[in-house]
Amino acid sequence: MIEFWVDNAQMVEMLTPEMQAQYQRSVTPDGFRAMLANVWKLTPEGESLDGAVAA
């Protein structure tokens, strides 16, 4: 992937066709929920999955 900034205000990413296909398969509502649960330990409503209090 190549990322670059245009006028220091907008990021542009360039992907190979294979990378784009993988990205499109993963960016779904279910994929977003999984990312919240696995990475951020949150529910879609922002509740902590481990009982911690958000700052």
Foldseek 3Di string as FASTA:
>chain_A
DDWDDDVNPDIDDDDDPVVVVVVVVQPDPVNVQCCCCPPVCAGPVGHHVVPDDDD
